[in-house]
């Protein structure tokens, strides 16, 4: 799996600058098959807090299709980017777990 990130900026209507972030994952054919086999497209990877409740805000299919975000400042853009990277780490763990079904893992201590 590869995470592709594009950062851009555009002029805001009333002057100033808006920042844009586009993220998409590229999957290997094997990873695509795992997603299909386990119907994992709708698996949530990131959550948003709404009145103390976590609401799914980013799904595997979102990363496959590509997601865009707009931010007023660079700090916000970088925070969003970090959430995406963490979601990809979770996504990779999902893929590793799906690939291990039907096999055996040995852990030595």
N, C-alpha and C. Protein backbone atom coordinates (compact mmCIF):
# COMPACT_ATOMS: atom_id res chain seq x y z
N UNK A 1 0.85 -1.17 0.00
CA UNK A 1 0.00 0.00 0.00
C UNK A 1 0.90 1.23 0.00
N UNK A 2 0.52 2.19 -0.81
CA UNK A 2 1.20 3.48 -0.86
C UNK A 2 0.18 4.58 -0.61
N UNK A 3 0.57 5.57 0.16
CA UNK A 3 -0.26 6.75 0.39
C UNK A 3 0.27 7.87 -0.48
N UNK A 4 -0.60 8.40 -1.33
CA UNK A 4 -0.24 9.53 -2.19
C UNK A 4 -0.86 10.79 -1.60
N UNK A 5 -0.05 11.81 -1.40
CA UNK A 5 -0.50 13.06 -0.80
C UNK A 5 -0.19 14.21 -1.75
N UNK A 6 -1.18 15.04 -1.99
CA UNK A 6 -0.99 16.27 -2.77
C UNK A 6 -1.40 17.44 -1.89
N UNK A 7 -0.53 18.43 -1.80
CA UNK A 7 -0.85 19.66 -1.08
C UNK A 7 -0.91 20.78 -2.10
N UNK A 8 -1.85 21.69 -1.91
CA UNK A 8 -1.99 22.80 -2.84
C UNK A 8 -2.51 24.01 -2.09
N UNK A 9 -2.47 25.13 -2.73
CA UNK A 9 -3.03 26.33 -2.14
C UNK A 9 -3.79 27.09 -3.21
N UNK A 10 -4.80 27.81 -2.78
CA UNK A 10 -5.61 28.61 -3.69
C UNK A 10 -5.96 29.92 -2.99
N UNK A 11 -6.20 30.93 -3.77
CA UNK A 11 -6.60 32.22 -3.18
C UNK A 11 -8.02 32.11 -2.67
N UNK A 12 -8.24 32.64 -1.48
CA UNK A 12 -9.59 32.69 -0.91
C UNK A 12 -10.35 33.86 -1.54
N UNK A 13 -11.66 33.82 -1.48
CA UNK A 13 -12.50 34.85 -2.09
C UNK A 13 -12.18 36.25 -1.57
N UNK A 14 -11.99 36.39 -0.28
CA UNK A 14 -11.75 37.71 0.32
C UNK A 14 -10.26 37.94 0.58
N UNK A 15 -9.44 37.47 -0.29
CA UNK A 15 -8.00 37.57 -0.09
C UNK A 15 -7.51 36.43 0.79
N UNK A 16 -6.25 36.41 1.04
CA UNK A 16 -5.71 35.33 1.85
C UNK A 16 -5.52 34.06 1.02
N UNK A 17 -5.23 32.99 1.72
CA UNK A 17 -4.92 31.73 1.04
C UNK A 17 -5.67 30.60 1.72
N UNK A 18 -6.15 29.65 0.93
CA UNK A 18 -6.73 28.42 1.45
C UNK A 18 -5.77 27.29 1.10
N UNK A 19 -5.70 26.32 1.95
CA UNK A 19 -4.83 25.19 1.72
C UNK A 19 -5.67 23.96 1.43
N UNK A 20 -5.20 23.13 0.50
CA UNK A 20 -5.94 21.94 0.11
C UNK A 20 -5.05 20.72 0.25
N UNK A 21 -5.67 19.63 0.65
CA UNK A 21 -4.97 18.36 0.82
C UNK A 21 -5.78 17.28 0.12
N UNK A 22 -5.11 16.50 -0.70
CA UNK A 22 -5.75 15.36 -1.37
C UNK A 22 -4.92 14.13 -1.03
N UNK A 23 -5.59 13.07 -0.57
CA UNK A 23 -4.92 11.83 -0.20
C UNK A 23 -5.63 10.65 -0.84
N UNK A 24 -4.84 9.69 -1.30
CA UNK A 24 -5.39 8.47 -1.90
C UNK A 24 -4.38 7.36 -1.68
N UNK A 25 -4.88 6.14 -1.50
CA UNK A 25 -3.97 5.00 -1.38
C UNK A 25 -3.96 4.22 -2.69
N UNK A 26 -2.80 3.68 -2.99
CA UNK A 26 -2.64 2.74 -4.10
C UNK A 26 -2.42 1.37 -3.47
N UNK A 27 -3.24 0.42 -3.88
CA UNK A 27 -3.14 -0.93 -3.33
C UNK A 27 -2.53 -1.87 -4.35
N UNK A 28 -1.85 -2.89 -3.85
CA UNK A 28 -1.38 -3.95 -4.73
C UNK A 28 -2.59 -4.80 -5.12
N UNK A 29 -2.48 -5.59 -6.17
CA UNK A 29 -3.59 -6.49 -6.52
C UNK A 29 -3.96 -7.42 -5.37
N UNK A 30 -2.98 -7.88 -4.60
CA UNK A 30 -3.25 -8.77 -3.47
C UNK A 30 -4.06 -8.04 -2.39
N UNK A 31 -3.69 -6.80 -2.13
CA UNK A 31 -4.42 -6.01 -1.13
C UNK A 31 -5.85 -5.73 -1.60
N UNK A 32 -6.01 -5.44 -2.88
CA UNK A 32 -7.35 -5.22 -3.44
C UNK A 32 -8.21 -6.46 -3.26
N UNK A 33 -7.63 -7.63 -3.48
CA UNK A 33 -8.37 -8.89 -3.31
C UNK A 33 -8.78 -9.11 -1.86
N UNK A 34 -7.90 -8.78 -0.91
CA UNK A 34 -8.25 -8.92 0.51
C UNK A 34 -9.43 -8.04 0.88
N UNK A 35 -9.42 -6.79 0.40
CA UNK A 35 -10.52 -5.87 0.68
C UNK A 35 -11.82 -6.43 0.11
N UNK A 36 -11.74 -6.94 -1.10
CA UNK A 36 -12.93 -7.52 -1.75
C UNK A 36 -13.39 -8.78 -1.01
N UNK A 37 -12.47 -9.67 -0.70
CA UNK A 37 -12.80 -10.94 -0.05
C UNK A 37 -13.48 -10.73 1.30
N UNK A 38 -12.96 -9.79 2.09
CA UNK A 38 -13.50 -9.57 3.44
C UNK A 38 -14.50 -8.41 3.50
N UNK A 39 -14.85 -7.89 2.33
CA UNK A 39 -15.84 -6.81 2.25
C UNK A 39 -15.52 -5.70 3.26
N UNK A 40 -14.29 -5.26 3.21
CA UNK A 40 -13.79 -4.30 4.20
C UNK A 40 -13.92 -2.84 3.75
N UNK A 41 -14.55 -2.58 2.64
CA UNK A 41 -14.67 -1.21 2.12
C UNK A 41 -15.25 -0.23 3.13
N UNK A 42 -16.22 -0.70 3.91
CA UNK A 42 -16.92 0.19 4.84
C UNK A 42 -16.33 0.17 6.25
N UNK A 43 -15.14 -0.36 6.39
CA UNK A 43 -14.49 -0.42 7.70
C UNK A 43 -13.98 0.97 8.08
N UNK A 44 -14.37 1.51 9.24
CA UNK A 44 -13.91 2.85 9.63
C UNK A 44 -12.45 2.82 10.08
N UNK A 45 -11.74 3.88 9.72
CA UNK A 45 -10.32 4.00 10.08
C UNK A 45 -10.04 5.20 10.98
N UNK A 46 -10.92 6.19 10.97
CA UNK A 46 -10.73 7.38 11.80
C UNK A 46 -12.10 7.85 12.29
N UNK A 47 -12.07 8.54 13.41
CA UNK A 47 -13.31 8.98 14.05
C UNK A 47 -13.23 10.46 14.39
N UNK A 48 -14.39 11.08 14.50
CA UNK A 48 -14.53 12.48 14.92
C UNK A 48 -15.34 12.49 16.20
N UNK A 49 -14.96 13.35 17.14
CA UNK A 49 -15.71 13.49 18.38
C UNK A 49 -16.86 14.47 18.16
N UNK A 50 -18.08 14.03 18.42
CA UNK A 50 -19.26 14.89 18.34
C UNK A 50 -20.02 14.76 19.65
N UNK A 51 -19.98 15.82 20.43
CA UNK A 51 -20.66 15.82 21.73
C UNK A 51 -20.29 14.60 22.57
N UNK A 52 -19.00 14.28 22.61
CA UNK A 52 -18.53 13.17 23.42
C UNK A 52 -18.69 11.80 22.81
N UNK A 53 -19.22 11.72 21.60
CA UNK A 53 -19.43 10.44 20.94
C UNK A 53 -18.52 10.36 19.72
N UNK A 54 -17.86 9.23 19.54
CA UNK A 54 -17.02 9.05 18.36
C UNK A 54 -17.87 8.63 17.17
N UNK A 55 -17.76 9.38 16.09
CA UNK A 55 -18.49 9.11 14.86
C UNK A 55 -17.48 8.75 13.79
N UNK A 56 -17.66 7.63 13.07
CA UNK A 56 -16.72 7.30 11.99
C UNK A 56 -16.64 8.45 10.97
N UNK A 57 -15.42 8.83 10.62
CA UNK A 57 -15.26 9.94 9.69
C UNK A 57 -14.41 9.60 8.47
N UNK A 58 -13.76 8.45 8.48
CA UNK A 58 -12.93 8.05 7.34
C UNK A 58 -12.98 6.53 7.22
N UNK A 59 -13.33 6.07 6.05
CA UNK A 59 -13.47 4.64 5.79
C UNK A 59 -12.42 4.18 4.78
N UNK A 60 -12.19 2.87 4.73
CA UNK A 60 -11.25 2.32 3.76
C UNK A 60 -11.58 2.78 2.35
N UNK A 61 -12.85 2.73 1.97
CA UNK A 61 -13.24 3.13 0.61
C UNK A 61 -12.88 4.59 0.34
N UNK A 62 -12.97 5.44 1.36
CA UNK A 62 -12.59 6.85 1.18
C UNK A 62 -11.14 6.97 0.72
N UNK A 63 -10.26 6.22 1.37
CA UNK A 63 -8.84 6.29 1.01
C UNK A 63 -8.58 5.69 -0.36
N UNK A 64 -9.35 4.66 -0.71
CA UNK A 64 -9.20 4.06 -2.04
C UNK A 64 -9.65 5.04 -3.12
N UNK A 65 -10.78 5.70 -2.89
CA UNK A 65 -11.32 6.66 -3.86
C UNK A 65 -10.53 7.97 -3.88
N UNK A 66 -9.96 8.33 -2.75
CA UNK A 66 -9.27 9.61 -2.60
C UNK A 66 -10.15 10.59 -1.85
N UNK A 67 -9.57 11.33 -0.94
CA UNK A 67 -10.30 12.31 -0.15
C UNK A 67 -9.62 13.67 -0.25
N UNK A 68 -10.44 14.71 -0.20
CA UNK A 68 -9.94 16.09 -0.25
C UNK A 68 -10.37 16.84 0.99
N UNK A 69 -9.49 17.69 1.46
CA UNK A 69 -9.78 18.53 2.61
C UNK A 69 -9.31 19.94 2.32
N UNK A 70 -9.99 20.90 2.91
CA UNK A 70 -9.58 22.30 2.81
C UNK A 70 -9.32 22.80 4.22
N UNK A 71 -8.32 23.66 4.33
CA UNK A 71 -7.96 24.20 5.63
C UNK A 71 -7.62 25.69 5.49
N UNK A 72 -7.82 26.42 6.58
CA UNK A 72 -7.54 27.85 6.58
C UNK A 72 -6.07 28.14 6.84
N UNK A 73 -5.38 27.17 7.49
CA UNK A 73 -3.98 27.40 7.82
C UNK A 73 -3.19 26.11 7.69
N UNK A 74 -1.88 26.25 7.66
CA UNK A 74 -0.99 25.10 7.46
C UNK A 74 -1.06 24.15 8.64
N UNK A 75 -1.17 24.66 9.85
CA UNK A 75 -1.23 23.79 11.03
C UNK A 75 -2.42 22.84 10.94
N UNK A 76 -3.57 23.34 10.56
CA UNK A 76 -4.76 22.50 10.41
C UNK A 76 -4.53 21.47 9.32
N UNK A 77 -3.94 21.89 8.22
CA UNK A 77 -3.65 20.98 7.11
C UNK A 77 -2.74 19.84 7.58
N UNK A 78 -1.70 20.18 8.33
CA UNK A 78 -0.78 19.16 8.83
C UNK A 78 -1.45 18.22 9.83
N UNK A 79 -2.35 18.75 10.65
CA UNK A 79 -3.09 17.90 11.58
C UNK A 79 -3.98 16.90 10.83
N UNK A 80 -4.64 17.37 9.79
CA UNK A 80 -5.47 16.48 8.98
C UNK A 80 -4.59 15.41 8.34
N UNK A 81 -3.45 15.84 7.84
CA UNK A 81 -2.52 14.90 7.20
C UNK A 81 -2.07 13.82 8.19
N UNK A 82 -1.83 14.19 9.43
CA UNK A 82 -1.41 13.21 10.44
C UNK A 82 -2.53 12.21 10.73
N UNK A 83 -3.78 12.68 10.76
CA UNK A 83 -4.92 11.77 10.95
C UNK A 83 -4.97 10.77 9.79
N UNK A 84 -4.73 11.24 8.57
CA UNK A 84 -4.73 10.35 7.41
C UNK A 84 -3.61 9.31 7.52
N UNK A 85 -2.44 9.75 7.92
CA UNK A 85 -1.31 8.82 8.06
C UNK A 85 -1.60 7.76 9.12
N UNK A 86 -2.20 8.18 10.24
CA UNK A 86 -2.55 7.23 11.30
C UNK A 86 -3.62 6.25 10.80
N UNK A 87 -4.57 6.75 10.01
CA UNK A 87 -5.59 5.88 9.42
C UNK A 87 -4.93 4.85 8.50
N UNK A 88 -3.91 5.25 7.78
CA UNK A 88 -3.20 4.32 6.89
C UNK A 88 -2.44 3.27 7.69
N UNK A 89 -1.90 3.66 8.85
CA UNK A 89 -1.23 2.66 9.70
C UNK A 89 -2.25 1.61 10.16
N UNK A 90 -3.44 2.08 10.54
CA UNK A 90 -4.51 1.15 10.93
C UNK A 90 -4.92 0.28 9.75
N UNK A 91 -5.04 0.89 8.59
CA UNK A 91 -5.41 0.17 7.37
C UNK A 91 -4.40 -0.95 7.09
N UNK A 92 -3.11 -0.64 7.23
CA UNK A 92 -2.07 -1.64 7.00
C UNK A 92 -2.21 -2.81 7.98
N UNK A 93 -2.54 -2.51 9.25
CA UNK A 93 -2.76 -3.58 10.23
C UNK A 93 -3.94 -4.46 9.84
N UNK A 94 -5.00 -3.83 9.32
CA UNK A 94 -6.16 -4.60 8.84
C UNK A 94 -5.72 -5.55 7.72
N UNK A 95 -4.95 -5.02 6.77
CA UNK A 95 -4.50 -5.84 5.65
C UNK A 95 -3.64 -7.01 6.13
N UNK A 96 -2.75 -6.75 7.07
CA UNK A 96 -1.90 -7.81 7.60
C UNK A 96 -2.72 -8.88 8.31
N UNK A 97 -3.72 -8.45 9.07
CA UNK A 97 -4.59 -9.40 9.76
C UNK A 97 -5.38 -10.24 8.74
N UNK A 98 -5.94 -9.58 7.72
CA UNK A 98 -6.71 -10.31 6.71
C UNK A 98 -5.83 -11.32 5.97
N UNK A 99 -4.59 -10.95 5.71
CA UNK A 99 -3.68 -11.85 5.00
C UNK A 99 -3.28 -13.05 5.85
N UNK A 100 -3.39 -12.90 7.17
CA UNK A 100 -2.95 -13.99 8.05
C UNK A 100 -4.02 -15.04 8.31
N UNK A 101 -5.27 -14.78 7.95
CA UNK A 101 -6.33 -15.76 8.19
C UNK A 101 -6.04 -17.05 7.42
N UNK A 102 -6.24 -18.15 8.12
CA UNK A 102 -5.99 -19.45 7.50
C UNK A 102 -4.55 -19.90 7.65
N UNK A 103 -3.73 -19.09 8.30
CA UNK A 103 -2.34 -19.44 8.49
C UNK A 103 -2.02 -19.53 9.98
N UNK A 104 -0.77 -19.59 10.27
CA UNK A 104 -0.31 -19.70 11.65
C UNK A 104 0.79 -18.71 11.89
N UNK A 105 0.79 -18.10 13.05
CA UNK A 105 1.83 -17.15 13.41
C UNK A 105 2.55 -17.67 14.65
N UNK A 106 3.87 -17.62 14.62
CA UNK A 106 4.67 -18.04 15.77
C UNK A 106 5.37 -16.82 16.31
N UNK A 107 5.20 -16.59 17.60
CA UNK A 107 5.85 -15.46 18.25
C UNK A 107 6.78 -16.00 19.32
N UNK A 108 8.04 -15.68 19.20
CA UNK A 108 9.01 -16.14 20.19
C UNK A 108 9.31 -15.03 21.17
N UNK A 109 9.46 -15.40 22.44
CA UNK A 109 9.79 -14.44 23.48
C UNK A 109 11.10 -14.81 24.11
